[in-house]
């Protein structure tokens, strides 16, 4: 399965990334302060592909963190249910063990 994933999904994506990077390598200025457009301290100069791909990566990270935190209650419920199942399983195993009682000899 991993070989399939590597060759048929990741490899074409890597080739697309490489082609995108080569075709968009010219420098762009990114201004971080919308009110002082001439301020060079609040500006970055970077290749266009780096800007676009970093925005995509940042979006993926923010989306992943949002999903992770929003599904926390389900992970907690699963942990509680797993602990309860383990406790009941151990209780069932311990209750099925044979109990040996001492034999009292008749007089």
PDB file of N, CA and C in Angstrom:
ATOM      1  N   UNK A   1       0.826  -1.193   0.000  1.00  0.00           N
ATOM      2  CA  UNK A   1       0.000   0.000   0.000  1.00  0.00           C
ATOM      3  C   UNK A   1       0.871   1.259   0.000  1.00  0.00           C
ATOM      4  N   UNK A   2       1.937   1.227   0.778  1.00  0.00           N
ATOM      5  CA  UNK A   2       2.812   2.403   0.806  1.00  0.00           C
ATOM      6  C   UNK A   2       3.527   2.598  -0.521  1.00  0.00           C
ATOM      7  N   UNK A   3       3.869   1.509  -1.182  1.00  0.00           N
ATOM      8  CA  UNK A   3       4.517   1.612  -2.485  1.00  0.00           C
ATOM      9  C   UNK A   3       3.568   2.238  -3.490  1.00  0.00           C
ATOM     10  N   UNK A   4       2.313   1.817  -3.450  1.00  0.00           N
ATOM     11  CA  UNK A   4       1.301   2.404  -4.325  1.00  0.00           C
ATOM     12  C   UNK A   4       1.169   3.892  -4.049  1.00  0.00           C
ATOM     13  N   UNK A   5       1.075   4.246  -2.785  1.00  0.00           N
ATOM     14  CA  UNK A   5       0.945   5.648  -2.405  1.00  0.00           C
ATOM     15  C   UNK A   5       2.153   6.448  -2.871  1.00  0.00           C
ATOM     16  N   UNK A   6       3.323   5.900  -2.703  1.00  0.00           N
ATOM     17  CA  UNK A   6       4.552   6.608  -3.067  1.00  0.00           C
ATOM     18  C   UNK A   6       4.636   6.838  -4.578  1.00  0.00           C
ATOM     19  N   UNK A   7       4.359   5.829  -5.360  1.00  0.00           N
ATOM     20  CA  UNK A   7       4.581   5.938  -6.797  1.00  0.00           C
ATOM     21  C   UNK A   7       3.430   6.601  -7.546  1.00  0.00           C
ATOM     22  N   UNK A   8       2.228   6.441  -7.104  1.00  0.00           N
ATOM     23  CA  UNK A   8       1.094   6.933  -7.874  1.00  0.00           C
ATOM     24  C   UNK A   8       0.476   8.212  -7.328  1.00  0.00           C
ATOM     25  N   UNK A   9       0.860   8.627  -6.157  1.00  0.00           N
ATOM     26  CA  UNK A   9       0.319   9.875  -5.605  1.00  0.00           C
ATOM     27  C   UNK A   9       1.434  10.849  -5.270  1.00  0.00           C
ATOM     28  N   UNK A  10       2.400  10.433  -4.489  1.00  0.00           N
ATOM     29  CA  UNK A  10       3.442  11.349  -4.023  1.00  0.00           C
ATOM     30  C   UNK A  10       4.390  11.731  -5.152  1.00  0.00           C
ATOM     31  N   UNK A  11       4.767  10.795  -5.992  1.00  0.00           N
ATOM     32  CA  UNK A  11       5.687  11.104  -7.092  1.00  0.00           C
ATOM     33  C   UNK A  11       5.098  12.113  -8.075  1.00  0.00           C
ATOM     34  N   UNK A  12       3.851  11.973  -8.546  1.00  0.00           N
ATOM     35  CA  UNK A  12       3.291  13.010  -9.424  1.00  0.00           C
ATOM     36  C   UNK A  12       3.156  14.366  -8.725  1.00  0.00           C
ATOM     37  N   UNK A  13       2.805  14.356  -7.447  1.00  0.00           N
ATOM     38  CA  UNK A  13       2.735  15.626  -6.718  1.00  0.00           C
ATOM     39  C   UNK A  13       4.099  16.279  -6.613  1.00  0.00           C
ATOM     40  N   UNK A  14       5.124  15.495  -6.400  1.00  0.00           N
ATOM     41  CA  UNK A  14       6.482  16.043  -6.337  1.00  0.00           C
ATOM     42  C   UNK A  14       6.899  16.612  -7.694  1.00  0.00           C
ATOM     43  N   UNK A  15       6.539  15.938  -8.766  1.00  0.00           N
ATOM     44  CA  UNK A  15       6.862  16.456 -10.100  1.00  0.00           C
ATOM     45  C   UNK A  15       6.105  17.740 -10.403  1.00  0.00           C
ATOM     46  N   UNK A  16       4.842  17.824  -9.991  1.00  0.00           N
ATOM     47  CA  UNK A  16       4.080  19.062 -10.153  1.00  0.00           C
ATOM     48  C   UNK A  16       4.685  20.190  -9.331  1.00  0.00           C
ATOM     49  N   UNK A  17       5.104  19.887  -8.117  1.00  0.00           N
ATOM     50  CA  UNK A  17       5.758  20.879  -7.269  1.00  0.00           C
ATOM     51  C   UNK A  17       7.038  21.379  -7.922  1.00  0.00           C
ATOM     52  N   UNK A  18       7.815  20.488  -8.473  1.00  0.00           N
ATOM     53  CA  UNK A  18       9.061  20.863  -9.129  1.00  0.00           C
ATOM     54  C   UNK A  18       8.792  21.736 -10.352  1.00  0.00           C
ATOM     55  N   UNK A  19       7.828  21.361 -11.167  1.00  0.00           N
ATOM     56  CA  UNK A  19       7.492  22.162 -12.357  1.00  0.00           C
ATOM     57  C   UNK A  19       6.966  23.541 -11.959  1.00  0.00           C
ATOM     58  N   UNK A  20       6.133  23.590 -10.940  1.00  0.00           N
ATOM     59  CA  UNK A  20       5.599  24.863 -10.443  1.00  0.00           C
ATOM     60  C   UNK A  20       6.724  25.746  -9.925  1.00  0.00           C
ATOM     61  N   UNK A  21       7.664  25.163  -9.199  1.00  0.00           N
ATOM     62  CA  UNK A  21       8.767  25.925  -8.627  1.00  0.00           C
ATOM     63  C   UNK A  21       9.680  26.490  -9.705  1.00  0.00           C
ATOM     64  N   UNK A  22       9.941  25.709 -10.735  1.00  0.00           N
ATOM     65  CA  UNK A  22      10.829  26.162 -11.811  1.00  0.00           C
ATOM     66  C   UNK A  22      10.166  27.273 -12.626  1.00  0.00           C
ATOM     67  N   UNK A  23       8.875  27.163 -12.853  1.00  0.00           N
ATOM     68  CA  UNK A  23       8.201  28.155 -13.696  1.00  0.00           C
ATOM     69  C   UNK A  23       7.847  29.438 -12.948  1.00  0.00           C
ATOM     70  N   UNK A  24       7.893  29.458 -11.622  1.00  0.00           N
ATOM     71  CA  UNK A  24       7.529  30.643 -10.834  1.00  0.00           C
ATOM     72  C   UNK A  24       8.645  31.037  -9.884  1.00  0.00           C
ATOM     73  N   UNK A  25       9.840  31.160 -10.403  1.00  0.00           N
ATOM     74  CA  UNK A  25      10.968  31.456  -9.533  1.00  0.00           C
ATOM     75  C   UNK A  25      11.349  32.926  -9.500  1.00  0.00           C
ATOM     76  N   UNK A  26      10.606  33.811 -10.182  1.00  0.00           N
ATOM     77  CA  UNK A  26      10.950  35.230 -10.148  1.00  0.00           C
ATOM     78  C   UNK A  26      10.592  35.826  -8.781  1.00  0.00           C
ATOM     79  N   UNK A  27      11.298  36.864  -8.412  1.00  0.00           N
ATOM     80  CA  UNK A  27      11.146  37.463  -7.080  1.00  0.00           C
ATOM     81  C   UNK A  27       9.939  38.392  -7.043  1.00  0.00           C
ATOM     82  N   UNK A  28       9.224  38.366  -5.920  1.00  0.00           N
ATOM     83  CA  UNK A  28       8.109  39.281  -5.670  1.00  0.00           C
ATOM     84  C   UNK A  28       8.334  39.947  -4.322  1.00  0.00           C
ATOM     85  N   UNK A  29       7.789  41.147  -4.173  1.00  0.00           N
ATOM     86  CA  UNK A  29       7.859  41.860  -2.901  1.00  0.00           C
ATOM     87  C   UNK A  29       6.547  41.668  -2.159  1.00  0.00           C
ATOM     88  N   UNK A  30       6.633  41.246  -0.938  1.00  0.00           N
ATOM     89  CA  UNK A  30       5.460  41.050  -0.093  1.00  0.00           C
ATOM     90  C   UNK A  30       5.502  42.130   0.978  1.00  0.00           C
ATOM     91  N   UNK A  31       4.511  42.985   0.974  1.00  0.00           N
ATOM     92  CA  UNK A  31       4.445  44.083   1.943  1.00  0.00           C
ATOM     93  C   UNK A  31       3.526  43.669   3.094  1.00  0.00           C
ATOM     94  N   UNK A  32       4.036  43.791   4.307  1.00  0.00           N
ATOM     95  CA  UNK A  32       3.286  43.361   5.486  1.00  0.00           C
ATOM     96  C   UNK A  32       2.509  44.498   6.133  1.00  0.00           C
ATOM     97  N   UNK A  33       2.806  45.735   5.793  1.00  0.00           N
ATOM     98  CA  UNK A  33       2.125  46.895   6.365  1.00  0.00           C
ATOM     99  C   UNK A  33       1.318  47.574   5.256  1.00  0.00           C
ATOM    100  N   UNK A  34      -0.008  47.485   5.286  1.00  0.00           N
ATOM    101  CA  UNK A  34      -0.804  48.067   4.202  1.00  0.00           C
ATOM    102  C   UNK A  34      -0.836  49.598   4.237  1.00  0.00           C
ATOM    103  N   UNK A  35      -0.471  50.221   5.343  1.00  0.00           N
ATOM    104  CA  UNK A  35      -0.569  51.671   5.463  1.00  0.00           C
ATOM    105  C   UNK A  35       0.723  52.378   5.064  1.00  0.00           C
ATOM    106  N   UNK A  36       1.857  51.727   5.193  1.00  0.00           N
ATOM    107  CA  UNK A  36       3.139  52.306   4.805  1.00  0.00           C
ATOM    108  C   UNK A  36       3.743  51.432   3.713  1.00  0.00           C
ATOM    109  N   UNK A  37       3.305  51.656   2.481  1.00  0.00           N
ATOM    110  CA  UNK A  37       3.730  50.817   1.370  1.00  0.00           C
ATOM    111  C   UNK A  37       5.196  51.012   1.018  1.00  0.00           C
ATOM    112  N   UNK A  38       5.770  52.148   1.393  1.00  0.00           N
ATOM    113  CA  UNK A  38       7.167  52.422   1.056  1.00  0.00           C
ATOM    114  C   UNK A  38       8.142  51.943   2.121  1.00  0.00           C
ATOM    115  N   UNK A  39       7.646  51.441   3.234  1.00  0.00           N
ATOM    116  CA  UNK A  39       8.506  51.008   4.337  1.00  0.00           C
ATOM    117  C   UNK A  39       9.166  49.675   3.980  1.00  0.00           C
ATOM    118  N   UNK A  40      10.485  49.688   3.832  1.00  0.00           N
ATOM    119  CA  UNK A  40      11.210  48.480   3.445  1.00  0.00           C
ATOM    120  C   UNK A  40      11.385  47.522   4.620  1.00  0.00           C
ATOM    121  N   UNK A  41      11.207  48.007   5.856  1.00  0.00           N
ATOM    122  CA  UNK A  41      11.367  47.132   7.015  1.00  0.00           C
ATOM    123  C   UNK A  41      10.207  46.149   7.132  1.00  0.00           C
ATOM    124  N   UNK A  42       9.063  46.509   6.570  1.00  0.00           N
ATOM    125  CA  UNK A  42       7.884  45.646   6.661  1.00  0.00           C
ATOM    126  C   UNK A  42       7.632  44.941   5.330  1.00  0.00           C
ATOM    127  N   UNK A  43       8.684  44.629   4.593  1.00  0.00           N
ATOM    128  CA  UNK A  43       8.533  43.978   3.293  1.00  0.00           C
ATOM    129  C   UNK A  43       9.502  42.808   3.182  1.00  0.00           C
ATOM    130  N   UNK A  44       9.068  41.816   2.435  1.00  0.00           N
ATOM    131  CA  UNK A  44       9.899  40.645   2.163  1.00  0.00           C
ATOM    132  C   UNK A  44      10.058  40.506   0.651  1.00  0.00           C
ATOM    133  N   UNK A  45      11.189  40.048   0.245  1.00  0.00           N
ATOM    134  CA  UNK A  45      11.411  39.732  -1.155  1.00  0.00           C
ATOM    135  C   UNK A  45      11.697  38.240  -1.232  1.00  0.00           C
ATOM    136  N   UNK A  46      10.836  37.525  -1.954  1.00  0.00           N
ATOM    137  CA  UNK A  46      10.962  36.072  -2.025  1.00  0.00           C
ATOM    138  C   UNK A  46      10.467  35.579  -3.375  1.00  0.00           C
ATOM    139  N   UNK A  47      10.864  34.382  -3.767  1.00  0.00           N
ATOM    140  CA  UNK A  47      10.337  33.807  -5.018  1.00  0.00           C
ATOM    141  C   UNK A  47       8.832  33.552  -4.892  1.00  0.00           C
ATOM    142  N   UNK A  48       8.144  33.701  -6.015  1.00  0.00           N
ATOM    143  CA  UNK A  48       6.688  33.542  -6.014  1.00  0.00           C
ATOM    144  C   UNK A  48       6.272  32.149  -5.557  1.00  0.00           C
ATOM    145  N   UNK A  49       6.987  31.098  -5.998  1.00  0.00           N
ATOM    146  CA  UNK A  49       6.607  29.745  -5.597  1.00  0.00           C
ATOM    147  C   UNK A  49       6.746  29.552  -4.089  1.00  0.00           C
ATOM    148  N   UNK A  50       7.750  30.192  -3.472  1.00  0.00           N
ATOM    149  CA  UNK A  50       7.921  30.071  -2.018  1.00  0.00           C
ATOM    150  C   UNK A  50       6.757  30.732  -1.287  1.00  0.00           C
ATOM    151  N   UNK A  51       6.306  31.866  -1.813  1.00  0.00           N
ATOM    152  CA  UNK A  51       5.162  32.554  -1.205  1.00  0.00           C
ATOM    153  C   UNK A  51       3.899  31.703  -1.289  1.00  0.00           C
ATOM    154  N   UNK A  52       3.618  31.172  -2.468  1.00  0.00           N
ATOM    155  CA  UNK A  52       2.393  30.386  -2.657  1.00  0.00           C
ATOM    156  C   UNK A  52       2.444  29.081  -1.875  1.00  0.00           C
ATOM    157  N   UNK A  53       3.564  28.383  -1.936  1.00  0.00           N
ATOM    158  CA  UNK A  53       3.655  27.105  -1.237  1.00  0.00           C
ATOM    159  C   UNK A  53       3.679  27.279   0.279  1.00  0.00           C
ATOM    160  N   UNK A  54       4.281  28.364   0.768  1.00  0.00           N
ATOM    161  CA  UNK A  54       4.231  28.599   2.215  1.00  0.00           C
ATOM    162  C   UNK A  54       2.821  28.953   2.665  1.00  0.00           C
ATOM    163  N   UNK A  55       2.060  29.648   1.823  1.00  0.00           N
ATOM    164  CA  UNK A  55       0.660  29.923   2.153  1.00  0.00           C
ATOM    165  C   UNK A  55      -0.152  28.637   2.191  1.00  0.00           C
ATOM    166  N   UNK A  56       0.115  27.718   1.264  1.00  0.00           N
ATOM    167  CA  UNK A  56      -0.587  26.436   1.256  1.00  0.00           C
ATOM    168  C   UNK A  56      -0.232  25.622   2.502  1.00  0.00           C
ATOM    169  N   UNK A  57       1.039  25.576   2.843  1.00  0.00           N
ATOM    170  CA  UNK A  57       1.463  24.826   4.034  1.00  0.00           C
ATOM    171  C   UNK A  57       0.866  25.430   5.292  1.00  0.00           C
ATOM    172  N   UNK A  58       0.859  26.757   5.377  1.00  0.00           N
ATOM    173  CA  UNK A  58       0.266  27.423   6.537  1.00  0.00           C
ATOM    174  C   UNK A  58      -1.229  27.121   6.634  1.00  0.00           C
ATOM    175  N   UNK A  59      -1.917  27.116   5.509  1.00  0.00           N
ATOM    176  CA  UNK A  59      -3.337  26.779   5.499  1.00  0.00           C
ATOM    177  C   UNK A  59      -3.594  25.349   5.935  1.00  0.00           C
ATOM    178  N   UNK A  60      -2.751  24.424   5.496  1.00  0.00           N
ATOM    179  CA  UNK A  60      -2.896  23.026   5.908  1.00  0.00           C
ATOM    180  C   UNK A  60      -2.670  22.890   7.407  1.00  0.00           C
ATOM    181  N   UNK A  61      -1.651  23.566   7.926  1.00  0.00           N
ATOM    182  CA  UNK A  61      -1.380  23.498   9.368  1.00  0.00           C
ATOM    183  C   UNK A  61      -2.514  24.091  10.190  1.00  0.00           C
ATOM    184  N   UNK A  62      -3.016  25.248   9.782  1.00  0.00           N
ATOM    185  CA  UNK A  62      -4.115  25.876  10.526  1.00  0.00           C
ATOM    186  C   UNK A  62      -5.362  25.002  10.457  1.00  0.00           C
ATOM    187  N   UNK A  63      -5.658  24.443   9.285  1.00  0.00           N
ATOM    188  CA  UNK A  63      -6.812  23.558   9.157  1.00  0.00           C
ATOM    189  C   UNK A  63      -6.670  22.299   9.992  1.00  0.00           C
ATOM    190  N   UNK A  64      -5.476  21.720   9.984  1.00  0.00           N
ATOM    191  CA  UNK A  64      -5.241  20.519  10.785  1.00  0.00           C
ATOM    192  C   UNK A  64      -5.373  20.781  12.274  1.00  0.00           C
ATOM    193  N   UNK A  65      -4.822  21.898  12.729  1.00  0.00           N
ATOM    194  CA  UNK A  65      -4.941  22.240  14.150  1.00  0.00           C
ATOM    195  C   UNK A  65      -6.384  22.518  14.538  1.00  0.00           C
ATOM    196  N   UNK A  66      -7.125  23.171  13.653  1.00  0.00           N
ATOM    197  CA  UNK A  66      -8.535  23.440  13.928  1.00  0.00           C
ATOM    198  C   UNK A  66      -9.321  22.141  14.081  1.00  0.00           C
ATOM    199  N   UNK A  67      -9.094  21.205  13.183  1.00  0.00           N
ATOM    200  CA  UNK A  67      -9.779  19.908  13.276  1.00  0.00           C
ATOM    201  C   UNK A  67      -9.340  19.158  14.519  1.00  0.00           C
ATOM    202  N   UNK A  68      -8.038  19.199  14.825  1.00  0.00           N
ATOM    203  CA  UNK A  68      -7.510  18.497  15.998  1.00  0.00           C
ATOM    204  C   UNK A  68      -8.175  19.003  17.273  1.00  0.00           C
ATOM    205  N   UNK A  69      -8.260  20.311  17.437  1.00  0.00           N
ATOM    206  CA  UNK A  69      -8.849  20.860  18.652  1.00  0.00           C
ATOM    207  C   UNK A  69     -10.363  20.703  18.684  1.00  0.00           C
ATOM    208  N   UNK A  70     -11.021  20.762  17.536  1.00  0.00           N
ATOM    209  CA  UNK A  70     -12.472  20.618  17.536  1.00  0.00           C
ATOM    210  C   UNK A  70     -12.907  19.179  17.801  1.00  0.00           C
ATOM    211  N   UNK A  71     -12.059  18.203  17.540  1.00  0.00           N
ATOM    212  CA  UNK A  71     -12.414  16.805  17.774  1.00  0.00           C
ATOM    213  C   UNK A  71     -11.846  16.268  19.079  1.00  0.00           C
ATOM    214  N   UNK A  72     -11.382  17.144  19.942  1.00  0.00           N
ATOM    215  CA  UNK A  72     -10.817  16.725  21.220  1.00  0.00           C
ATOM    216  C   UNK A  72     -11.808  15.990  22.099  1.00  0.00           C
ATOM    217  N   UNK A  73     -13.077  16.423  22.065  1.00  0.00           N
ATOM    218  CA  UNK A  73     -14.077  15.757  22.912  1.00  0.00           C
ATOM    219  C   UNK A  73     -14.303  14.309  22.481  1.00  0.00           C
ATOM    220  N   UNK A  74     -14.175  14.033  21.183  1.00  0.00           N
ATOM    221  CA  UNK A  74     -14.340  12.656  20.709  1.00  0.00           C
ATOM    222  C   UNK A  74     -13.149  11.786  21.104  1.00  0.00           C
ATOM    223  N   UNK A  75     -11.947  12.354  21.062  1.00  0.00           N
ATOM    224  CA  UNK A  75     -10.770  11.594  21.498  1.00  0.00           C
ATOM    225  C   UNK A  75     -10.844  11.308  22.993  1.00  0.00           C
ATOM    226  N   UNK A  76     -11.332  12.273  23.776  1.00  0.00           N
ATOM    227  CA  UNK A  76     -11.472  12.058  25.220  1.00  0.00           C
ATOM    228  C   UNK A  76     -12.504  10.969  25.498  1.00  0.00           C
ATOM    229  N   UNK A  77     -13.626  11.005  24.784  1.00  0.00           N
ATOM    230  CA  UNK A  77     -14.656   9.974  24.966  1.00  0.00           C
ATOM    231  C   UNK A  77     -14.109   8.593  24.586  1.00  0.00           C
ATOM    232  N   UNK A  78     -13.304   8.525  23.552  1.00  0.00           N
ATOM    233  CA  UNK A  78     -12.707   7.246  23.153  1.00  0.00           C
ATOM    234  C   UNK A  78     -11.733   6.747  24.215  1.00  0.00           C
ATOM    235  N   UNK A  79     -10.941   7.652  24.820  1.00  0.00           N
ATOM    236  CA  UNK A  79     -10.022   7.239  25.892  1.00  0.00           C
ATOM    237  C   UNK A  79     -10.795   6.706  27.090  1.00  0.00           C
ATOM    238  N   UNK A  80     -11.876   7.397  27.461  1.00  0.00           N
ATOM    239  CA  UNK A  80     -12.684   6.957  28.601  1.00  0.00           C
ATOM    240  C   UNK A  80     -13.311   5.599  28.303  1.00  0.00           C
ATOM    241  N   UNK A  81     -13.851   5.430  27.111  1.00  0.00           N
ATOM    242  CA  UNK A  81     -14.469   4.152  26.743  1.00  0.00           C
ATOM    243  C   UNK A  81     -13.440   3.031  26.701  1.00  0.00           C
ATOM    244  N   UNK A  82     -12.239   3.323  26.216  1.00  0.00           N
ATOM    245  CA  UNK A  82     -11.184   2.309  26.173  1.00  0.00           C
ATOM    246  C   UNK A  82     -10.774   1.896  27.582  1.00  0.00           C
ATOM    247  N   UNK A  83     -10.652   2.867  28.480  1.00  0.00           N
ATOM    248  CA  UNK A  83     -10.289   2.547  29.863  1.00  0.00           C
ATOM    249  C   UNK A  83     -11.380   1.713  30.526  1.00  0.00           C
ATOM    250  N   UNK A  84     -12.632   2.048  30.266  1.00  0.00           N
ATOM    251  CA  UNK A  84     -13.750   1.284  30.830  1.00  0.00           C
ATOM    252  C   UNK A  84     -13.762  -0.133  30.273  1.00  0.00           C
ATOM    253  N   UNK A  85     -13.518  -0.286  28.966  1.00  0.00           N
ATOM    254  CA  UNK A  85     -13.482  -1.622  28.361  1.00  0.00           C
ATOM    255  C   UNK A  85     -12.332  -2.442  28.937  1.00  0.00           C
ATOM    256  N   UNK A  86     -11.181  -1.830  29.126  1.00  0.00           N
ATOM    257  CA  UNK A  86     -10.041  -2.543  29.724  1.00  0.00           C
ATOM    258  C   UNK A  86     -10.353  -2.972  31.148  1.00  0.00           C
ATOM    259  N   UNK A  87     -10.996  -2.082  31.906  1.00  0.00           N
ATOM    260  CA  UNK A  87     -11.350  -2.414  33.295  1.00  0.00           C
ATOM    261  C   UNK A  87     -12.340  -3.577  33.323  1.00  0.00           C
ATOM    262  N   UNK A  88     -13.351  -3.543  32.473  1.00  0.00           N
ATOM    263  CA  UNK A  88     -14.339  -4.624  32.442  1.00  0.00           C
ATOM    264  C   UNK A  88     -13.718  -5.931  31.948  1.00  0.00           C
ATOM    265  N   UNK A  89     -12.804  -5.860  30.993  1.00  0.00           N
ATOM    266  CA  UNK A  89     -12.137  -7.057  30.488  1.00  0.00           C
ATOM    267  C   UNK A  89     -11.304  -7.696  31.597  1.00  0.00           C
ATOM    268  N   UNK A  90     -10.549  -6.872  32.330  1.00  0.00           N
ATOM    269  CA  UNK A  90      -9.751  -7.401  33.433  1.00  0.00           C
ATOM    270  C   UNK A  90     -10.632  -7.988  34.532  1.00  0.00           C
ATOM    271  N   UNK A  91     -11.744  -7.332  34.778  1.00  0.00           N
ATOM    272  CA  UNK A  91     -12.675  -7.845  35.791  1.00  0.00           C
ATOM    273  C   UNK A  91     -13.255  -9.186  35.357  1.00  0.00           C
ATOM    274  N   UNK A  92     -13.584  -9.333  34.080  1.00  0.00           N
ATOM    275  CA  UNK A  92     -14.139 -10.593  33.578  1.00  0.00           C
ATOM    276  C   UNK A  92     -13.086 -11.702  33.631  1.00  0.00           C
ATOM    277  N   UNK A  93     -11.848 -11.382  33.298  1.00  0.00           N
ATOM    278  CA  UNK A  93     -10.779 -12.383  33.343  1.00  0.00           C
ATOM    279  C   UNK A  93     -10.540 -12.822  34.776  1.00  0.00           C
ATOM    280  N   UNK A  94     -10.526 -11.893  35.699  1.00  0.00           N
ATOM    281  CA  UNK A  94     -10.278 -12.229  37.096  1.00  0.00           C
ATOM    282  C   UNK A  94     -11.427 -13.005  37.725  1.00  0.00           C
ATOM    283  N   UNK A  95     -12.658 -12.785  37.255  1.00  0.00           N
ATOM    284  CA  UNK A  95     -13.794 -13.488  37.851  1.00  0.00           C
ATOM    285  C   UNK A  95     -13.919 -14.919  37.331  1.00  0.00           C
ATOM    286  N   UNK A  96     -13.307 -15.236  36.216  1.00  0.00           N
ATOM    287  CA  UNK A  96     -13.424 -16.589  35.675  1.00  0.00           C
ATOM    288  C   UNK A  96     -12.314 -17.516  36.162  1.00  0.00           C
ATOM    289  N   UNK A  97     -11.391 -17.015  36.919  1.00  0.00           N
ATOM    290  CA  UNK A  97     -10.342 -17.876  37.465  1.00  0.00           C
ATOM    291  C   UNK A  97     -10.948 -18.826  38.487  1.00  0.00           C
ATOM    292  N   UNK A  98     -10.434 -20.045  38.518  1.00  0.00           N
ATOM    293  CA  UNK A  98     -10.947 -21.031  39.462  1.00  0.00           C
ATOM    294  C   UNK A  98     -10.530 -20.645  40.879  1.00  0.00           C
ATOM    295  N   UNK A  99     -11.485 -20.747  41.743  1.00  0.00           N
ATOM    296  CA  UNK A  99     -11.215 -20.460  43.141  1.00  0.00           C
ATOM    297  C   UNK A  99     -11.044 -21.791  43.855  1.00  0.00           C
ATOM    298  N   UNK A 100      -9.954 -21.963  44.542  1.00  0.00           N
ATOM    299  CA  UNK A 100      -9.722 -23.204  45.283  1.00  0.00           C
ATOM    300  C   UNK A 100     -10.020 -22.945  46.755  1.00  0.00           C
ATOM    301  N   UNK A 101     -10.902 -23.766  47.275  1.00  0.00           N
ATOM    302  CA  UNK A 101     -11.278 -23.656  48.678  1.00  0.00           C
ATOM    303  C   UNK A 101     -10.548 -24.734  49.464  1.00  0.00           C
ATOM    304  N   UNK A 102     -10.224 -24.444  50.705  1.00  0.00           N
ATOM    305  CA  UNK A 102      -9.562 -25.473  51.511  1.00  0.00           C
ATOM    306  C   UNK A 102     -10.517 -26.618  51.806  1.00  0.00           C
ATOM    307  N   UNK A 103      -9.993 -27.817  51.788  1.00  0.00           N
ATOM    308  CA  UNK A 103     -10.789 -29.019  52.074  1.00  0.00           C
ATOM    309  C   UNK A 103     -10.723 -29.291  53.574  1.00  0.00           C
ATOM    310  N   UNK A 104     -11.874 -29.440  54.158  1.00  0.00           N
ATOM    311  CA  UNK A 104     -11.922 -29.736  55.592  1.00  0.00           C
ATOM    312  C   UNK A 104     -12.124 -31.243  55.753  1.00  0.00           C
ATOM    313  N   UNK A 105     -11.214 -31.859  56.470  1.00  0.00           N
ATOM    314  CA  UNK A 105     -11.282 -33.312  56.677  1.00  0.00           C
ATOM    315  C   UNK A 105     -12.354 -33.636  57.688  1.00  0.00           C
ATOM    316  N   UNK A 106     -13.142 -34.710  57.450  1.00  0.00           N
ATOM    317  CA  UNK A 106     -14.182 -35.080  58.428  1.00  0.00           C
ATOM    318  C   UNK A 106     -13.549 -35.690  59.675  1.00  0.00           C
ATOM    319  N   UNK A 107     -14.193 -35.548  60.826  1.00  0.00           N
ATOM    320  CA  UNK A 107     -13.692 -36.096  62.087  1.00  0.00           C
ATOM    321  C   UNK A 107     -14.268 -37.426  62.363  1.00  0.00           C
TER     322      UNK A 107
END
